[in-house]
Amino acid sequence: MPTRPTPPTRRSSGILSGPIDAPPEAKLAKVFPLVPAVVGMTVTHRSSGFSGTLLRIEGGGVELRGQTGQERVFRLTPGAFAVDGKAVSLVRAPTDPAAAKRAGITASGSVAVAGAPARVARAGRLWVEGIHDAALVERVWGDDLRVEGVVVERLDGIDHLDKAIKEFRPGPARRLGVLVDHLVPGSKESRMAEGVRQSDVLVTGTPFVDVWQAVRPSVLGIDAWPVIPMGTDWKTGICEALGFGDPPAAWRRILASVNSYADLEPALVGAVERLIDFVTSED
């Protein structure tokens, strides 16, 4: 995940600074950097040592799922968590676009870096299957990718993935992250991902048939994505079932409904964050 910049703090601030009767949490909040809680990120609860993937943020707590599948809820108290080995205070990121902009939060939940120029492009790359995947990644993570210097490129299908990787020649300073759809056991995509496994290449993705399904149905005003019968073109079937017109019109409607990571399914958020983390980890 991209580095989350934090507002500068005065050198004199600390646990003992401020009014003597200030609540302990108010004092602690000045010590630890603030990190927006993003669904899909890896977090460790410091006092218990429990580490897992952030599933949801509700009220004053966050729910984590560990490697064994165990799920636990912890309070959002200052300094209670660690991200990338550093003690932090997780905070709820605004999901309303206007509120997020006022708070200096990007669509991905990162703290925006005011006036930061785009970084010179890295040698590493993030590949996606098609134009819709690229548009969705740009809409939510575009600000972060420019700050990190990560270029997103389209594969236009992954049937030639093995050949493309060989031509790219990945290495420690030239890492490659690949985002794919339908990454489920037994699928063509999972077999291809296994076939290109190497230390400087990470292939991850979602269980969805198409990236359209990674948009939460509720933001489109529907209860669930329709089930399309085998043999029917999936996008055409979706458009007919929902009355969204043709696929291009439907995609414009779907993309316009996405304002932040909160409008996406956790599977996609976690996959993209992992890939950005991987591609930028040579620094």
C-alpha atoms as a PDB file:
ATOM      1  CA  MET A   1       0.000   0.000   0.000  1.00  0.00           C
ATOM      2  CA  PRO A   2       1.314   3.496  -0.708  1.00  0.00           C
ATOM      3  CA  THR A   3       2.967   5.335   2.194  1.00  0.00           C
ATOM      4  CA  ARG A   4       0.387   7.286   4.133  1.00  0.00           C
ATOM      5  CA  PRO A   5       1.873  10.775   4.802  1.00  0.00           C
ATOM      6  CA  THR A   6       0.873  12.369   8.084  1.00  0.00           C
ATOM      7  CA  PRO A   7       0.516  16.006   9.078  1.00  0.00           C
ATOM      8  CA  PRO A   8       3.711  17.469  10.589  1.00  0.00           C
ATOM      9  CA  THR A   9       3.820  17.524  14.376  1.00  0.00           C
ATOM     10  CA  ARG A  10       5.641  19.989  16.601  1.00  0.00           C
ATOM     11  CA  ARG A  11       8.802  18.629  18.174  1.00  0.00           C
ATOM     12  CA  SER A  12       7.531  19.623  21.616  1.00  0.00           C
ATOM     13  CA  SER A  13       4.306  17.618  21.382  1.00  0.00           C
ATOM     14  CA  GLY A  14       4.025  14.366  23.288  1.00  0.00           C
ATOM     15  CA  ILE A  15       2.026  12.382  25.825  1.00  0.00           C
ATOM     16  CA  LEU A  16       2.703  14.925  28.552  1.00  0.00           C
ATOM     17  CA  SER A  17       2.024  18.028  26.452  1.00  0.00           C
ATOM     18  CA  GLY A  18      -1.249  19.956  26.508  1.00  0.00           C
ATOM     19  CA  PRO A  19      -3.584  20.619  29.444  1.00  0.00           C
ATOM     20  CA  ILE A  20      -2.860  18.481  32.475  1.00  0.00           C
ATOM     21  CA  ASP A  21      -6.465  17.312  32.597  1.00  0.00           C
ATOM     22  CA  ALA A  22      -6.621  16.314  28.933  1.00  0.00           C
ATOM     23  CA  PRO A  23      -8.063  12.817  28.380  1.00  0.00           C
ATOM     24  CA  PRO A  24      -5.322  10.151  27.957  1.00  0.00           C
ATOM     25  CA  GLU A  25      -6.527   9.349  24.426  1.00  0.00           C
ATOM     26  CA  ALA A  26      -6.242  13.001  23.420  1.00  0.00           C
ATOM     27  CA  LYS A  27      -2.612  12.993  24.607  1.00  0.00           C
ATOM     28  CA  LEU A  28      -1.827   9.715  22.857  1.00  0.00           C
ATOM     29  CA  ALA A  29      -3.386  10.944  19.626  1.00  0.00           C
ATOM     30  CA  LYS A  30      -0.592  13.505  19.329  1.00  0.00           C
ATOM     31  CA  VAL A  31       2.120  10.829  19.445  1.00  0.00           C
ATOM     32  CA  PHE A  32       1.113   8.301  16.778  1.00  0.00           C
ATOM     33  CA  PRO A  33       0.713   9.052  13.044  1.00  0.00           C
ATOM     34  CA  LEU A  34      -2.827   8.918  11.689  1.00  0.00           C
ATOM     35  CA  VAL A  35      -3.507   6.256   9.048  1.00  0.00           C
ATOM     36  CA  PRO A  36      -6.903   5.934   7.316  1.00  0.00           C
ATOM     37  CA  ALA A  37      -8.444   2.491   7.897  1.00  0.00           C
ATOM     38  CA  VAL A  38      -8.793   0.964   4.423  1.00  0.00           C
ATOM     39  CA  VAL A  39     -10.651  -2.298   3.858  1.00  0.00           C
ATOM     40  CA  GLY A  40      -8.192  -4.950   2.695  1.00  0.00           C
ATOM     41  CA  MET A  41      -5.104  -3.550   4.431  1.00  0.00           C
ATOM     42  CA  THR A  42      -3.015  -5.731   6.771  1.00  0.00           C
ATOM     43  CA  VAL A  43      -3.079  -4.549  10.393  1.00  0.00           C
ATOM     44  CA  THR A  44      -1.671  -5.795  13.694  1.00  0.00           C
ATOM     45  CA  HIS A  45      -3.362  -5.096  17.032  1.00  0.00           C
ATOM     46  CA  ARG A  46      -0.340  -4.243  19.155  1.00  0.00           C
ATOM     47  CA  SER A  47      -1.433  -5.320  22.622  1.00  0.00           C
ATOM     48  CA  SER A  48      -2.816  -8.714  21.581  1.00  0.00           C
ATOM     49  CA  GLY A  49      -0.446  -9.389  18.691  1.00  0.00           C
ATOM     50  CA  PHE A  50      -3.415 -10.388  16.504  1.00  0.00           C
ATOM     51  CA  SER A  51      -2.684  -9.667  12.844  1.00  0.00           C
ATOM     52  CA  GLY A  52      -5.065  -9.849   9.931  1.00  0.00           C
ATOM     53  CA  THR A  53      -6.893  -8.249   7.049  1.00  0.00           C
ATOM     54  CA  LEU A  54      -9.183  -5.327   7.842  1.00  0.00           C
ATOM     55  CA  LEU A  55     -12.731  -6.397   6.940  1.00  0.00           C
ATOM     56  CA  ARG A  56     -14.885  -3.468   8.002  1.00  0.00           C
ATOM     57  CA  ILE A  57     -15.062  -0.337  10.122  1.00  0.00           C
ATOM     58  CA  GLU A  58     -18.146  -0.003  12.291  1.00  0.00           C
ATOM     59  CA  GLY A  59     -18.801   2.529  15.019  1.00  0.00           C
ATOM     60  CA  GLY A  60     -15.659   2.898  17.093  1.00  0.00           C
ATOM     61  CA  GLY A  61     -14.032  -0.371  16.079  1.00  0.00           C
ATOM     62  CA  VAL A  62     -12.504  -2.373  13.258  1.00  0.00           C
ATOM     63  CA  GLU A  63     -12.913  -6.060  12.445  1.00  0.00           C
ATOM     64  CA  LEU A  64      -9.845  -8.088  11.447  1.00  0.00           C
ATOM     65  CA  ARG A  65      -9.640 -11.581   9.940  1.00  0.00           C
ATOM     66  CA  GLY A  66      -6.507 -13.571  10.781  1.00  0.00           C
ATOM     67  CA  GLN A  67      -4.734 -16.163   8.627  1.00  0.00           C
ATOM     68  CA  THR A  68      -6.729 -18.996  10.231  1.00  0.00           C
ATOM     69  CA  GLY A  69     -10.031 -17.287   9.408  1.00  0.00           C
ATOM     70  CA  GLN A  70     -10.659 -16.111  12.974  1.00  0.00           C
ATOM     71  CA  GLU A  71     -12.341 -12.700  13.120  1.00  0.00           C
ATOM     72  CA  ARG A  72     -11.941 -10.241  15.978  1.00  0.00           C
ATOM     73  CA  VAL A  73     -13.103  -6.679  16.659  1.00  0.00           C
ATOM     74  CA  PHE A  74     -10.842  -4.051  18.251  1.00  0.00           C
ATOM     75  CA  ARG A  75     -11.485  -0.477  19.353  1.00  0.00           C
ATOM     76  CA  LEU A  76     -10.087   2.410  17.321  1.00  0.00           C
ATOM     77  CA  THR A  77      -7.933   3.812  20.115  1.00  0.00           C
ATOM     78  CA  PRO A  78      -4.802   5.933  19.506  1.00  0.00           C
ATOM     79  CA  GLY A  79      -1.649   3.893  18.930  1.00  0.00           C
ATOM     80  CA  ALA A  80      -3.510   0.578  19.212  1.00  0.00           C
ATOM     81  CA  PHE A  81      -2.397  -0.776  15.841  1.00  0.00           C
ATOM     82  CA  ALA A  82       0.691  -1.310  13.714  1.00  0.00           C
ATOM     83  CA  VAL A  83       0.913  -0.997   9.930  1.00  0.00           C
ATOM     84  CA  ASP A  84       4.116  -2.064   8.161  1.00  0.00           C
ATOM     85  CA  GLY A  85       5.711  -2.503  11.580  1.00  0.00           C
ATOM     86  CA  LYS A  86       5.011   1.066  12.739  1.00  0.00           C
ATOM     87  CA  ALA A  87       2.669   2.003  15.593  1.00  0.00           C
ATOM     88  CA  VAL A  88      -0.217   4.110  14.299  1.00  0.00           C
ATOM     89  CA  SER A  89      -3.659   5.417  15.103  1.00  0.00           C
ATOM     90  CA  LEU A  90      -6.223   4.100  12.633  1.00  0.00           C
ATOM     91  CA  VAL A  91      -8.915   6.608  11.748  1.00  0.00           C
ATOM     92  CA  ARG A  92     -12.097   6.318   9.755  1.00  0.00           C
ATOM     93  CA  ALA A  93     -11.630   7.832   6.287  1.00  0.00           C
ATOM     94  CA  PRO A  94     -14.475  10.034   4.997  1.00  0.00           C
ATOM     95  CA  THR A  95     -16.461   8.303   2.244  1.00  0.00           C
ATOM     96  CA  ASP A  96     -18.319  11.390   1.060  1.00  0.00           C
ATOM     97  CA  PRO A  97     -16.207  12.888  -1.770  1.00  0.00           C
ATOM     98  CA  ALA A  98     -16.633  16.489  -0.603  1.00  0.00           C
ATOM     99  CA  ALA A  99     -15.865  15.613   3.017  1.00  0.00           C
ATOM    100  CA  ALA A 100     -12.857  13.548   1.969  1.00  0.00           C
ATOM    101  CA  LYS A 101     -11.496  16.428  -0.106  1.00  0.00           C
ATOM    102  CA  ARG A 102     -11.889  18.839   2.817  1.00  0.00           C
ATOM    103  CA  ALA A 103     -10.108  16.353   5.082  1.00  0.00           C
ATOM    104  CA  GLY A 104      -7.271  15.850   2.607  1.00  0.00           C
ATOM    105  CA  ILE A 105      -8.132  12.196   1.950  1.00  0.00           C
ATOM    106  CA  THR A 106      -7.782  10.581  -1.475  1.00  0.00           C
ATOM    107  CA  ALA A 107     -10.385   8.253  -2.980  1.00  0.00           C
ATOM    108  CA  SER A 108      -8.324   5.266  -1.813  1.00  0.00           C
ATOM    109  CA  GLY A 109      -8.387   6.477   1.801  1.00  0.00           C
ATOM    110  CA  SER A 110      -4.787   7.766   1.784  1.00  0.00           C
ATOM    111  CA  VAL A 111      -3.778  11.078   3.288  1.00  0.00           C
ATOM    112  CA  ALA A 112      -3.339  13.418   0.319  1.00  0.00           C
ATOM    113  CA  VAL A 113       0.046  15.052  -0.218  1.00  0.00           C
ATOM    114  CA  ALA A 114      -0.793  18.672  -0.989  1.00  0.00           C
ATOM    115  CA  GLY A 115       1.015  20.004  -4.052  1.00  0.00           C
ATOM    116  CA  ALA A 116       3.088  16.847  -4.501  1.00  0.00           C
ATOM    117  CA  PRO A 117       4.307  16.461  -8.101  1.00  0.00           C
ATOM    118  CA  ALA A 118       3.960  13.136  -9.871  1.00  0.00           C
ATOM    119  CA  ARG A 119       6.997  10.953  -9.275  1.00  0.00           C
ATOM    120  CA  VAL A 120       9.123   9.868 -12.231  1.00  0.00           C
ATOM    121  CA  ALA A 121       7.742   6.519 -13.371  1.00  0.00           C
ATOM    122  CA  ARG A 122       9.251   3.438 -11.764  1.00  0.00           C
ATOM    123  CA  ALA A 123      10.657   0.594 -13.812  1.00  0.00           C
ATOM    124  CA  GLY A 124       8.063  -1.648 -12.170  1.00  0.00           C
ATOM    125  CA  ARG A 125       4.528  -1.811 -13.526  1.00  0.00           C
ATOM    126  CA  LEU A 126       0.981  -2.705 -12.547  1.00  0.00           C
ATOM    127  CA  TRP A 127      -0.842  -4.645 -15.263  1.00  0.00           C
ATOM    128  CA  VAL A 128      -4.619  -4.980 -15.509  1.00  0.00           C
ATOM    129  CA  GLU A 129      -6.734  -7.041 -17.893  1.00  0.00           C
ATOM    130  CA  GLY A 130      -8.627  -4.334 -19.740  1.00  0.00           C
ATOM    131  CA  ILE A 131      -9.796  -0.759 -20.102  1.00  0.00           C
ATOM    132  CA  HIS A 132     -12.512  -1.016 -17.445  1.00  0.00           C
ATOM    133  CA  ASP A 133     -10.056  -2.352 -14.858  1.00  0.00           C
ATOM    134  CA  ALA A 134      -7.658   0.484 -15.695  1.00  0.00           C
ATOM    135  CA  ALA A 135     -10.394   3.119 -15.420  1.00  0.00           C
ATOM    136  CA  LEU A 136     -11.561   1.843 -12.029  1.00  0.00           C
ATOM    137  CA  VAL A 137      -8.021   1.678 -10.639  1.00  0.00           C
ATOM    138  CA  GLU A 138      -7.343   5.209 -11.883  1.00  0.00           C
ATOM    139  CA  ARG A 139     -10.571   6.545 -10.364  1.00  0.00           C
ATOM    140  CA  VAL A 140      -9.798   5.246  -6.873  1.00  0.00           C
ATOM    141  CA  TRP A 141      -5.992   4.952  -6.719  1.00  0.00           C
ATOM    142  CA  GLY A 142      -4.888   7.471  -9.339  1.00  0.00           C
ATOM    143  CA  ASP A 143      -3.566  10.059  -6.863  1.00  0.00           C
ATOM    144  CA  ASP A 144      -1.578   7.425  -4.974  1.00  0.00           C
ATOM    145  CA  LEU A 145      -0.130   5.908  -8.128  1.00  0.00           C
ATOM    146  CA  ARG A 146       1.124   9.265  -9.372  1.00  0.00           C
ATOM    147  CA  VAL A 147       2.788  10.035  -6.034  1.00  0.00           C
ATOM    148  CA  GLU A 148       4.383   6.568  -6.036  1.00  0.00           C
ATOM    149  CA  GLY A 149       5.359   6.673  -9.715  1.00  0.00           C
ATOM    150  CA  VAL A 150       3.470   3.483 -10.596  1.00  0.00           C
ATOM    151  CA  VAL A 151       2.278   3.165 -14.200  1.00  0.00           C
ATOM    152  CA  VAL A 152      -0.809   1.053 -14.955  1.00  0.00           C
ATOM    153  CA  GLU A 153      -0.820  -0.781 -18.276  1.00  0.00           C
ATOM    154  CA  ARG A 154      -3.531  -2.843 -20.005  1.00  0.00           C
ATOM    155  CA  LEU A 155      -2.984  -6.409 -21.084  1.00  0.00           C
ATOM    156  CA  ASP A 156      -6.242  -6.665 -23.056  1.00  0.00           C
ATOM    157  CA  GLY A 157      -6.638 -10.243 -21.840  1.00  0.00           C
ATOM    158  CA  ILE A 158      -4.228 -12.581 -20.073  1.00  0.00           C
ATOM    159  CA  ASP A 159      -3.910 -15.399 -22.604  1.00  0.00           C
ATOM    160  CA  HIS A 160      -0.440 -14.096 -23.495  1.00  0.00           C
ATOM    161  CA  LEU A 161       0.594 -13.352 -19.869  1.00  0.00           C
ATOM    162  CA  ASP A 162       3.551 -15.757 -19.769  1.00  0.00           C
ATOM    163  CA  LYS A 163       5.053 -14.304 -22.964  1.00  0.00           C
ATOM    164  CA  ALA A 164       4.457 -10.725 -21.821  1.00  0.00           C
ATOM    165  CA  ILE A 165       6.234 -11.354 -18.505  1.00  0.00           C
ATOM    166  CA  LYS A 166       9.258 -12.868 -20.251  1.00  0.00           C
ATOM    167  CA  GLU A 167       9.471  -9.816 -22.514  1.00  0.00           C
ATOM    168  CA  PHE A 168       9.144  -7.474 -19.528  1.00  0.00           C
ATOM    169  CA  ARG A 169      12.074  -9.173 -17.711  1.00  0.00           C
ATOM    170  CA  PRO A 170      11.091  -8.452 -14.091  1.00  0.00           C
ATOM    171  CA  GLY A 171      13.737  -8.105 -11.400  1.00  0.00           C
ATOM    172  CA  PRO A 172      14.245  -6.759  -7.842  1.00  0.00           C
ATOM    173  CA  ALA A 173      14.179  -3.142  -9.087  1.00  0.00           C
ATOM    174  CA  ARG A 174      11.642  -3.917 -11.808  1.00  0.00           C
ATOM    175  CA  ARG A 175       8.768  -5.626 -10.054  1.00  0.00           C
ATOM    176  CA  LEU A 176       5.535  -6.522 -11.757  1.00  0.00           C
ATOM    177  CA  GLY A 177       2.046  -6.701 -10.255  1.00  0.00           C
ATOM    178  CA  VAL A 178      -0.813  -8.248 -12.244  1.00  0.00           C
ATOM    179  CA  LEU A 179      -4.511  -7.804 -11.422  1.00  0.00           C
ATOM    180  CA  VAL A 180      -6.857 -10.438 -12.873  1.00  0.00           C
ATOM    181  CA  ASP A 181     -10.528 -11.349 -12.660  1.00  0.00           C
ATOM    182  CA  HIS A 182     -11.978 -14.747 -11.752  1.00  0.00           C
ATOM    183  CA  LEU A 183      -8.981 -15.832  -9.679  1.00  0.00           C
ATOM    184  CA  VAL A 184     -10.641 -18.869  -8.102  1.00  0.00           C
ATOM    185  CA  PRO A 185      -9.404 -22.471  -7.657  1.00  0.00           C
ATOM    186  CA  GLY A 186      -9.535 -24.438 -10.883  1.00  0.00           C
ATOM    187  CA  SER A 187     -10.068 -21.433 -13.170  1.00  0.00           C
ATOM    188  CA  LYS A 188      -7.923 -20.690 -16.214  1.00  0.00           C
ATOM    189  CA  GLU A 189      -6.764 -17.525 -14.483  1.00  0.00           C
ATOM    190  CA  SER A 190      -5.570 -19.351 -11.358  1.00  0.00           C
ATOM    191  CA  ARG A 191      -3.645 -21.889 -13.455  1.00  0.00           C
ATOM    192  CA  MET A 192      -1.953 -19.097 -15.404  1.00  0.00           C
ATOM    193  CA  ALA A 193      -1.103 -17.246 -12.193  1.00  0.00           C
ATOM    194  CA  GLU A 194       0.529 -20.362 -10.791  1.00  0.00           C
ATOM    195  CA  GLY A 195       2.484 -20.862 -14.011  1.00  0.00           C
ATOM    196  CA  VAL A 196       4.155 -17.442 -13.879  1.00  0.00           C
ATOM    197  CA  ARG A 197       4.942 -17.463 -10.162  1.00  0.00           C
ATOM    198  CA  GLN A 198       8.351 -15.932  -9.347  1.00  0.00           C
ATOM    199  CA  SER A 199       9.861 -13.672  -6.692  1.00  0.00           C
ATOM    200  CA  ASP A 200       9.534 -10.425  -8.655  1.00  0.00           C
ATOM    201  CA  VAL A 201       6.028 -11.058 -10.032  1.00  0.00           C
ATOM    202  CA  LEU A 202       2.802 -11.007  -8.032  1.00  0.00           C
ATOM    203  CA  VAL A 203      -0.479 -12.044  -9.625  1.00  0.00           C
ATOM    204  CA  THR A 204      -3.563 -11.407  -7.556  1.00  0.00           C
ATOM    205  CA  GLY A 205      -7.163 -10.480  -8.179  1.00  0.00           C
ATOM    206  CA  THR A 206     -10.794 -11.088  -7.360  1.00  0.00           C
ATOM    207  CA  PRO A 207     -13.258 -13.995  -7.634  1.00  0.00           C
ATOM    208  CA  PHE A 208     -15.572 -11.933  -9.854  1.00  0.00           C
ATOM    209  CA  VAL A 209     -16.334 -12.803 -13.470  1.00  0.00           C
ATOM    210  CA  ASP A 210     -15.686  -9.183 -14.454  1.00  0.00           C
ATOM    211  CA  VAL A 211     -14.452  -6.048 -12.710  1.00  0.00           C
ATOM    212  CA  TRP A 212     -18.004  -4.645 -12.934  1.00  0.00           C
ATOM    213  CA  GLN A 213     -18.940  -6.993 -10.094  1.00  0.00           C
ATOM    214  CA  ALA A 214     -16.278  -5.416  -7.883  1.00  0.00           C
ATOM    215  CA  VAL A 215     -18.546  -2.370  -7.554  1.00  0.00           C
ATOM    216  CA  ARG A 216     -20.912  -2.791  -4.623  1.00  0.00           C
ATOM    217  CA  PRO A 217     -24.490  -3.369  -5.870  1.00  0.00           C
ATOM    218  CA  SER A 218     -25.880  -0.890  -3.335  1.00  0.00           C
ATOM    219  CA  VAL A 219     -24.141   2.083  -4.985  1.00  0.00           C
ATOM    220  CA  LEU A 220     -26.033   1.231  -8.185  1.00  0.00           C
ATOM    221  CA  GLY A 221     -29.344   0.946  -6.370  1.00  0.00           C
ATOM    222  CA  ILE A 222     -29.639  -2.820  -6.811  1.00  0.00           C
ATOM    223  CA  ASP A 223     -29.728  -5.651  -4.258  1.00  0.00           C
ATOM    224  CA  ALA A 224     -27.251  -7.903  -6.072  1.00  0.00           C
ATOM    225  CA  TRP A 225     -25.616  -8.475  -9.427  1.00  0.00           C
ATOM    226  CA  PRO A 226     -27.864 -10.711 -11.575  1.00  0.00           C
ATOM    227  CA  VAL A 227     -26.813 -14.281 -12.299  1.00  0.00           C
ATOM    228  CA  ILE A 228     -26.295 -14.637 -16.048  1.00  0.00           C
ATOM    229  CA  PRO A 229     -26.901 -18.090 -17.623  1.00  0.00           C
ATOM    230  CA  MET A 230     -23.972 -19.934 -19.177  1.00  0.00           C
ATOM    231  CA  GLY A 231     -23.705 -19.285 -22.886  1.00  0.00           C
ATOM    232  CA  THR A 232     -24.944 -15.685 -22.634  1.00  0.00           C
ATOM    233  CA  ASP A 233     -22.437 -12.861 -23.005  1.00  0.00           C
ATOM    234  CA  TRP A 234     -22.072 -11.695 -19.416  1.00  0.00           C
ATOM    235  CA  LYS A 235     -22.096  -7.934 -19.977  1.00  0.00           C
ATOM    236  CA  THR A 236     -24.939  -8.118 -22.463  1.00  0.00           C
ATOM    237  CA  GLY A 237     -26.927 -10.220 -19.990  1.00  0.00           C
ATOM    238  CA  ILE A 238     -26.242  -7.751 -17.174  1.00  0.00           C
ATOM    239  CA  CYS A 239     -27.413  -4.816 -19.286  1.00  0.00           C
ATOM    240  CA  GLU A 240     -30.628  -6.595 -20.252  1.00  0.00           C
ATOM    241  CA  ALA A 241     -31.364  -7.744 -16.708  1.00  0.00           C
ATOM    242  CA  LEU A 242     -30.818  -4.294 -15.198  1.00  0.00           C
ATOM    243  CA  GLY A 243     -32.102  -2.162 -18.057  1.00  0.00           C
ATOM    244  CA  PHE A 244     -28.799  -0.320 -18.270  1.00  0.00           C
ATOM    245  CA  GLY A 245     -28.764   0.007 -22.082  1.00  0.00           C
ATOM    246  CA  ASP A 246     -25.758  -1.254 -24.018  1.00  0.00           C
ATOM    247  CA  PRO A 247     -22.404  -2.151 -22.340  1.00  0.00           C
ATOM    248  CA  PRO A 248     -20.704   1.224 -23.011  1.00  0.00           C
ATOM    249  CA  ALA A 249     -23.640   3.129 -21.475  1.00  0.00           C
ATOM    250  CA  ALA A 250     -23.787   0.691 -18.571  1.00  0.00           C
ATOM    251  CA  TRP A 251     -20.079   1.093 -17.861  1.00  0.00           C
ATOM    252  CA  ARG A 252     -20.334   4.883 -17.813  1.00  0.00           C
ATOM    253  CA  ARG A 253     -23.112   4.562 -15.246  1.00  0.00           C
ATOM    254  CA  ILE A 254     -21.159   2.066 -13.146  1.00  0.00           C
ATOM    255  CA  LEU A 255     -17.937   4.075 -13.147  1.00  0.00           C
ATOM    256  CA  ALA A 256     -19.748   7.312 -12.297  1.00  0.00           C
ATOM    257  CA  SER A 257     -21.216   5.629  -9.202  1.00  0.00           C
ATOM    258  CA  VAL A 258     -17.759   5.011  -7.700  1.00  0.00           C
ATOM    259  CA  ASN A 259     -16.416   7.831  -5.541  1.00  0.00           C
ATOM    260  CA  SER A 260     -14.019   5.999  -3.218  1.00  0.00           C
ATOM    261  CA  TYR A 261     -12.749   2.599  -2.095  1.00  0.00           C
ATOM    262  CA  ALA A 262     -15.886   2.295   0.066  1.00  0.00           C
ATOM    263  CA  ASP A 263     -17.919   1.780  -3.128  1.00  0.00           C
ATOM    264  CA  LEU A 264     -15.848  -1.287  -4.047  1.00  0.00           C
ATOM    265  CA  GLU A 265     -15.847  -4.843  -2.744  1.00  0.00           C
ATOM    266  CA  PRO A 266     -13.073  -5.613  -0.219  1.00  0.00           C
ATOM    267  CA  ALA A 267     -11.646  -8.286  -2.544  1.00  0.00           C
ATOM    268  CA  LEU A 268     -10.687  -5.682  -5.141  1.00  0.00           C
ATOM    269  CA  VAL A 269      -9.476  -3.119  -2.605  1.00  0.00           C
ATOM    270  CA  GLY A 270      -7.212  -5.673  -0.934  1.00  0.00           C
ATOM    271  CA  ALA A 271      -5.876  -6.988  -4.242  1.00  0.00           C
ATOM    272  CA  VAL A 272      -4.926  -3.555  -5.586  1.00  0.00           C
ATOM    273  CA  GLU A 273      -3.356  -2.466  -2.297  1.00  0.00           C
ATOM    274  CA  ARG A 274      -1.238  -5.650  -2.239  1.00  0.00           C
ATOM    275  CA  LEU A 275      -0.027  -5.017  -5.778  1.00  0.00           C
ATOM    276  CA  ILE A 276       0.902  -1.383  -5.106  1.00  0.00           C
ATOM    277  CA  ASP A 277       2.723  -2.510  -1.976  1.00  0.00           C
ATOM    278  CA  PHE A 278       4.600  -5.152  -3.960  1.00  0.00           C
ATOM    279  CA  VAL A 279       5.613  -2.919  -6.860  1.00  0.00           C
ATOM    280  CA  THR A 280       6.881  -0.143  -4.564  1.00  0.00           C
ATOM    281  CA  SER A 281       8.671  -2.337  -2.022  1.00  0.00           C
ATOM    282  CA  GLU A 282      12.108  -2.125  -3.634  1.00  0.00           C
ATOM    283  CA  ASP A 283      12.650   1.306  -2.008  1.00  0.00           C
END
